């Protein structure tokens, strides 16, 4: 995996962790995706009370990056 891909994966995990910390499900991410990344489901998905969250909308992920590494990984 190229350095740019590793960096993109890292920031995607950080972005998901922010939602999970607030007890929210990251938009566009399935419970299976979270399990594959090693995250637990957010509190709201496990049937626990959801913590209070600010009224500001969350930013969309920057998932427009596509690796064009010559090794194809």
N, C-alpha and C. Protein backbone atom coordinates (compact mmCIF):
# COMPACT_ATOMS: atom_id res chain seq x y z
N UNK A 1 0.86 -1.17 0.00
CA UNK A 1 0.00 0.00 0.00
C UNK A 1 0.90 1.23 0.00
N UNK A 2 0.57 2.18 -0.86
CA UNK A 2 1.40 3.39 -0.94
C UNK A 2 1.14 4.30 0.27
N UNK A 3 2.02 5.24 0.49
CA UNK A 3 1.92 6.14 1.63
C UNK A 3 0.63 6.96 1.60
N UNK A 4 0.23 7.40 0.42
CA UNK A 4 -1.01 8.19 0.31
C UNK A 4 -2.23 7.35 0.70
N UNK A 5 -2.24 6.08 0.31
CA UNK A 5 -3.35 5.19 0.68
C UNK A 5 -3.38 4.94 2.18
N UNK A 6 -2.21 4.73 2.77
CA UNK A 6 -2.13 4.53 4.21
C UNK A 6 -2.63 5.76 4.95
N UNK A 7 -2.26 6.94 4.48
CA UNK A 7 -2.70 8.18 5.11
C UNK A 7 -4.22 8.34 4.98
N UNK A 8 -4.76 8.03 3.81
CA UNK A 8 -6.21 8.13 3.59
C UNK A 8 -6.94 7.17 4.52
N UNK A 9 -6.45 5.95 4.66
CA UNK A 9 -7.07 4.96 5.56
C UNK A 9 -7.02 5.44 7.01
N UNK A 10 -5.90 6.01 7.41
CA UNK A 10 -5.75 6.53 8.77
C UNK A 10 -6.77 7.63 9.06
N UNK A 11 -6.88 8.60 8.17
CA UNK A 11 -7.80 9.71 8.40
C UNK A 11 -9.26 9.26 8.33
N UNK A 12 -9.55 8.24 7.53
CA UNK A 12 -10.90 7.71 7.50
C UNK A 12 -11.25 7.06 8.84
N UNK A 13 -10.29 6.33 9.42
CA UNK A 13 -10.51 5.72 10.74
C UNK A 13 -10.71 6.79 11.82
N UNK A 14 -9.93 7.87 11.75
CA UNK A 14 -10.08 8.97 12.72
C UNK A 14 -11.44 9.62 12.56
N UNK A 15 -11.89 9.81 11.31
CA UNK A 15 -13.19 10.39 11.04
C UNK A 15 -14.29 9.50 11.62
N UNK A 16 -14.21 8.20 11.41
CA UNK A 16 -15.20 7.25 11.96
C UNK A 16 -15.16 7.27 13.48
N UNK A 17 -13.98 7.31 14.07
CA UNK A 17 -13.84 7.30 15.53
C UNK A 17 -14.53 8.50 16.15
N UNK A 18 -14.52 9.64 15.49
CA UNK A 18 -15.21 10.82 16.01
C UNK A 18 -16.71 10.60 16.13
N UNK A 19 -17.30 9.99 15.14
CA UNK A 19 -18.73 9.68 15.19
C UNK A 19 -19.02 8.66 16.28
N UNK A 20 -18.21 7.62 16.35
CA UNK A 20 -18.43 6.56 17.34
C UNK A 20 -18.30 7.12 18.75
N UNK A 21 -17.37 8.02 18.97
CA UNK A 21 -17.18 8.62 20.29
C UNK A 21 -18.42 9.42 20.71
N UNK A 22 -19.14 9.97 19.74
CA UNK A 22 -20.37 10.70 20.04
C UNK A 22 -21.58 9.79 20.09
N UNK A 23 -21.37 8.48 19.85
CA UNK A 23 -22.47 7.53 19.88
C UNK A 23 -23.29 7.54 18.61
N UNK A 24 -22.71 8.00 17.52
CA UNK A 24 -23.41 8.08 16.24
C UNK A 24 -22.81 7.09 15.25
N UNK A 25 -23.60 6.70 14.28
CA UNK A 25 -23.12 5.84 13.20
C UNK A 25 -22.57 6.75 12.10
N UNK A 26 -21.32 6.55 11.66
CA UNK A 26 -20.78 7.38 10.58
C UNK A 26 -21.63 7.21 9.31
N UNK A 27 -21.97 8.30 8.62
CA UNK A 27 -22.77 8.19 7.41
C UNK A 27 -22.04 7.40 6.32
N UNK A 28 -22.77 6.51 5.68
CA UNK A 28 -22.20 5.72 4.59
C UNK A 28 -21.39 4.53 5.04
N UNK A 29 -21.32 4.26 6.34
CA UNK A 29 -20.54 3.15 6.86
C UNK A 29 -21.50 2.14 7.48
N UNK A 30 -21.35 0.86 7.13
CA UNK A 30 -22.22 -0.18 7.66
C UNK A 30 -21.63 -0.76 8.94
N UNK A 31 -22.45 -1.43 9.74
CA UNK A 31 -21.92 -2.10 10.94
C UNK A 31 -20.83 -3.13 10.59
N UNK A 32 -20.97 -3.76 9.43
CA UNK A 32 -19.94 -4.72 8.99
C UNK A 32 -18.62 -4.02 8.70
N UNK A 33 -18.68 -2.80 8.14
CA UNK A 33 -17.47 -2.02 7.89
C UNK A 33 -16.76 -1.68 9.20
N UNK A 34 -17.55 -1.27 10.21
CA UNK A 34 -16.97 -0.94 11.51
C UNK A 34 -16.30 -2.16 12.14
N UNK A 35 -16.97 -3.30 12.05
CA UNK A 35 -16.40 -4.53 12.61
C UNK A 35 -15.11 -4.90 11.89
N UNK A 36 -15.06 -4.71 10.58
CA UNK A 36 -13.85 -5.02 9.81
C UNK A 36 -12.69 -4.11 10.20
N UNK A 37 -12.99 -2.87 10.63
CA UNK A 37 -11.95 -1.95 11.06
C UNK A 37 -11.59 -2.13 12.53
N UNK A 38 -12.33 -3.00 13.24
CA UNK A 38 -12.03 -3.25 14.65
C UNK A 38 -12.75 -2.34 15.62
N UNK A 39 -13.75 -1.59 15.14
CA UNK A 39 -14.52 -0.70 16.01
C UNK A 39 -15.74 -1.44 16.56
N UNK A 40 -16.17 -1.03 17.76
CA UNK A 40 -17.45 -1.48 18.28
C UNK A 40 -18.53 -0.63 17.66
N UNK A 41 -19.76 -1.13 17.69
CA UNK A 41 -20.88 -0.32 17.21
C UNK A 41 -21.10 0.84 18.16
N UNK A 42 -21.58 1.98 17.65
CA UNK A 42 -21.87 3.11 18.53
C UNK A 42 -22.92 2.74 19.57
N UNK A 43 -22.97 3.50 20.65
CA UNK A 43 -23.91 3.23 21.74
C UNK A 43 -25.35 3.18 21.24
N UNK A 44 -25.71 4.02 20.31
CA UNK A 44 -27.08 4.03 19.78
C UNK A 44 -27.41 2.72 19.08
N UNK A 45 -26.42 2.10 18.45
CA UNK A 45 -26.66 0.85 17.74
C UNK A 45 -26.72 -0.33 18.71
N UNK A 46 -26.13 -0.21 19.89
CA UNK A 46 -26.14 -1.29 20.87
C UNK A 46 -27.33 -1.19 21.82
N UNK A 47 -28.20 -0.20 21.62
CA UNK A 47 -29.38 -0.06 22.45
C UNK A 47 -29.16 0.79 23.69
N UNK A 48 -28.02 1.44 23.81
CA UNK A 48 -27.76 2.32 24.94
C UNK A 48 -28.19 3.73 24.59
N UNK A 49 -28.35 4.57 25.62
CA UNK A 49 -28.71 5.96 25.38
C UNK A 49 -27.60 6.68 24.63
N UNK A 50 -28.00 7.53 23.69
CA UNK A 50 -27.05 8.31 22.90
C UNK A 50 -26.69 9.59 23.66
N UNK A 51 -25.40 9.92 23.76
CA UNK A 51 -25.03 11.16 24.45
C UNK A 51 -25.50 12.38 23.67
N UNK A 52 -25.65 13.48 24.38
CA UNK A 52 -26.05 14.73 23.74
C UNK A 52 -24.98 15.14 22.73
N UNK A 53 -25.40 15.60 21.57
CA UNK A 53 -24.45 16.03 20.54
C UNK A 53 -24.73 17.48 20.16
N UNK A 54 -23.72 18.20 19.71
CA UNK A 54 -23.93 19.58 19.28
C UNK A 54 -24.83 19.63 18.04
N UNK A 55 -25.43 20.78 17.80
CA UNK A 55 -26.38 20.94 16.70
C UNK A 55 -25.70 21.16 15.35
N UNK A 56 -24.39 21.23 15.31
CA UNK A 56 -23.70 21.46 14.04
C UNK A 56 -23.67 20.19 13.21
N UNK A 57 -23.92 20.26 11.92
CA UNK A 57 -23.89 19.07 11.07
C UNK A 57 -22.45 18.59 10.88
N UNK A 58 -22.32 17.30 10.69
CA UNK A 58 -21.00 16.70 10.49
C UNK A 58 -20.54 16.92 9.06
N UNK A 59 -19.24 17.02 8.89
CA UNK A 59 -18.67 17.21 7.56
C UNK A 59 -18.66 15.88 6.81
N UNK A 60 -18.82 15.93 5.53
CA UNK A 60 -18.77 14.73 4.70
C UNK A 60 -17.33 14.23 4.59
N UNK A 61 -17.12 12.93 4.50
CA UNK A 61 -15.76 12.41 4.38
C UNK A 61 -15.14 12.76 3.03
N UNK A 62 -13.85 12.88 3.04
CA UNK A 62 -13.14 13.18 1.80
C UNK A 62 -12.70 11.86 1.18
N UNK A 63 -13.64 11.16 0.56
CA UNK A 63 -13.34 9.84 0.02
C UNK A 63 -13.13 9.86 -1.50
N UNK A 64 -12.74 11.00 -2.03
CA UNK A 64 -12.56 11.12 -3.46
C UNK A 64 -11.19 10.62 -3.93
N UNK A 65 -10.31 10.27 -3.00
CA UNK A 65 -8.96 9.84 -3.37
C UNK A 65 -8.98 8.44 -3.98
N UNK A 66 -8.28 8.25 -5.08
CA UNK A 66 -8.11 6.94 -5.70
C UNK A 66 -6.63 6.74 -5.92
N UNK A 67 -6.11 5.63 -5.45
CA UNK A 67 -4.68 5.34 -5.58
C UNK A 67 -4.34 5.03 -7.03
N UNK A 68 -3.33 5.70 -7.55
CA UNK A 68 -2.86 5.41 -8.91
C UNK A 68 -1.42 4.90 -8.85
N UNK A 69 -1.10 4.23 -7.76
CA UNK A 69 0.23 3.67 -7.57
C UNK A 69 0.52 2.64 -8.67
N UNK A 70 1.73 2.63 -9.21
CA UNK A 70 2.04 1.69 -10.27
C UNK A 70 2.01 0.23 -9.82
N UNK A 71 2.14 -0.04 -8.53
CA UNK A 71 2.12 -1.43 -8.08
C UNK A 71 0.69 -1.96 -7.93
N UNK A 72 -0.32 -1.10 -8.07
CA UNK A 72 -1.70 -1.52 -8.07
C UNK A 72 -2.27 -1.90 -6.73
N UNK A 73 -1.60 -1.59 -5.65
CA UNK A 73 -2.11 -1.95 -4.34
C UNK A 73 -2.68 -0.75 -3.64
